């Protein structure tokens, strides 16, 4: 048996009267679940990063719109006030 996973007990170490030996199918299932969890974490991080980027972009655009409206309102107020 290869020593690529030292934390996984061998079949001899697990075979005792009160435990069942770990089978290859269980190891494959565990590896598949670990891989799935890694993929989900990566996707969550990607979606989260994209959402924060879009929120930042929306905030910037709203700030620009607010500044534009303020300038337009100031210009309209100045143009409509009577000069003496």
Protein backbone atom coordinates (compact mmCIF):
# COMPACT_ATOMS: atom_id res chain seq x y z
CA UNK A 1 0.00 0.00 0.00
CA UNK A 2 1.44 3.43 -0.90
CA UNK A 3 2.13 6.02 1.76
CA UNK A 4 0.47 8.94 -0.02
CA UNK A 5 -1.99 9.39 2.87
CA UNK A 6 -0.28 8.79 6.19
CA UNK A 7 -3.31 9.86 8.23
CA UNK A 8 -5.51 7.11 6.72
CA UNK A 9 -5.30 3.94 8.76
CA UNK A 10 -4.45 0.73 6.99
CA UNK A 11 -6.83 -2.21 6.92
CA UNK A 12 -4.67 -4.06 9.47
CA UNK A 13 -4.75 -1.14 11.89
CA UNK A 14 -8.53 -0.82 11.68
CA UNK A 15 -9.45 -4.51 11.84
CA UNK A 16 -10.52 -5.03 15.39
CA UNK A 17 -13.59 -6.80 16.76
CA UNK A 18 -15.59 -3.59 17.22
CA UNK A 19 -14.69 -1.81 13.93
CA UNK A 20 -15.05 -2.67 10.28
CA UNK A 21 -12.13 -2.38 7.84
CA UNK A 22 -12.04 0.60 5.51
CA UNK A 23 -12.70 -0.55 1.98
CA UNK A 24 -11.52 0.88 -1.30
CA UNK A 25 -15.06 2.01 -2.06
CA UNK A 26 -15.18 4.02 1.18
CA UNK A 27 -11.84 5.63 0.36
CA UNK A 28 -13.08 6.52 -3.13
CA UNK A 29 -16.28 7.95 -1.68
CA UNK A 30 -14.32 10.03 0.82
CA UNK A 31 -12.03 11.32 -1.93
CA UNK A 32 -15.03 12.17 -4.13
CA UNK A 33 -16.73 14.06 -1.29
CA UNK A 34 -13.51 15.96 -0.53
CA UNK A 35 -13.15 16.90 -4.20
CA UNK A 36 -16.79 18.00 -4.38
CA UNK A 37 -16.38 20.17 -1.29
CA UNK A 38 -13.24 21.75 -2.77
CA UNK A 39 -15.11 22.50 -6.02
CA UNK A 40 -18.04 24.03 -4.12
CA UNK A 41 -15.71 26.18 -2.05
CA UNK A 42 -13.94 27.39 -5.20
CA UNK A 43 -17.26 28.21 -6.89
CA UNK A 44 -18.52 30.02 -3.80
CA UNK A 45 -15.35 32.11 -3.63
CA UNK A 46 -15.65 32.95 -7.35
CA UNK A 47 -19.32 33.95 -7.09
CA UNK A 48 -18.64 35.94 -3.93
CA UNK A 49 -15.76 37.81 -5.59
CA UNK A 50 -17.92 38.56 -8.66
CA UNK A 51 -20.81 39.81 -6.50
CA UNK A 52 -18.57 42.14 -4.50
CA UNK A 53 -17.05 43.43 -7.74
CA UNK A 54 -20.50 44.17 -9.16
CA UNK A 55 -21.59 45.85 -5.91
CA UNK A 56 -18.47 48.02 -5.98
CA UNK A 57 -19.17 48.93 -9.62
CA UNK A 58 -22.80 49.77 -8.80
CA UNK A 59 -21.67 51.96 -5.87
CA UNK A 60 -19.25 53.82 -8.11
CA UNK A 61 -21.90 54.37 -10.76
CA UNK A 62 -24.43 55.60 -8.19
CA UNK A 63 -21.87 58.04 -6.80
CA UNK A 64 -21.21 59.35 -10.32
CA UNK A 65 -24.97 59.71 -10.93
CA UNK A 66 -25.43 61.56 -7.65
CA UNK A 67 -22.58 63.94 -8.49
CA UNK A 68 -24.03 64.52 -11.95
CA UNK A 69 -27.48 65.27 -10.53
CA UNK A 70 -25.99 67.68 -7.99
CA UNK A 71 -24.15 69.57 -10.74
CA UNK A 72 -27.29 69.63 -12.90
CA UNK A 73 -29.43 70.91 -9.99
CA UNK A 74 -26.86 73.58 -9.15
CA UNK A 75 -26.71 74.67 -12.80
CA UNK A 76 -30.51 74.81 -13.05
CA UNK A 77 -30.77 76.83 -9.84
CA UNK A 78 -28.14 79.30 -10.99
CA UNK A 79 -29.68 79.68 -14.46
CA UNK A 80 -33.23 80.22 -13.14
CA UNK A 81 -32.37 82.76 -10.44
CA UNK A 82 -33.08 86.33 -11.51
CA UNK A 83 -30.15 88.67 -11.80
CA UNK A 84 -30.52 92.20 -10.46
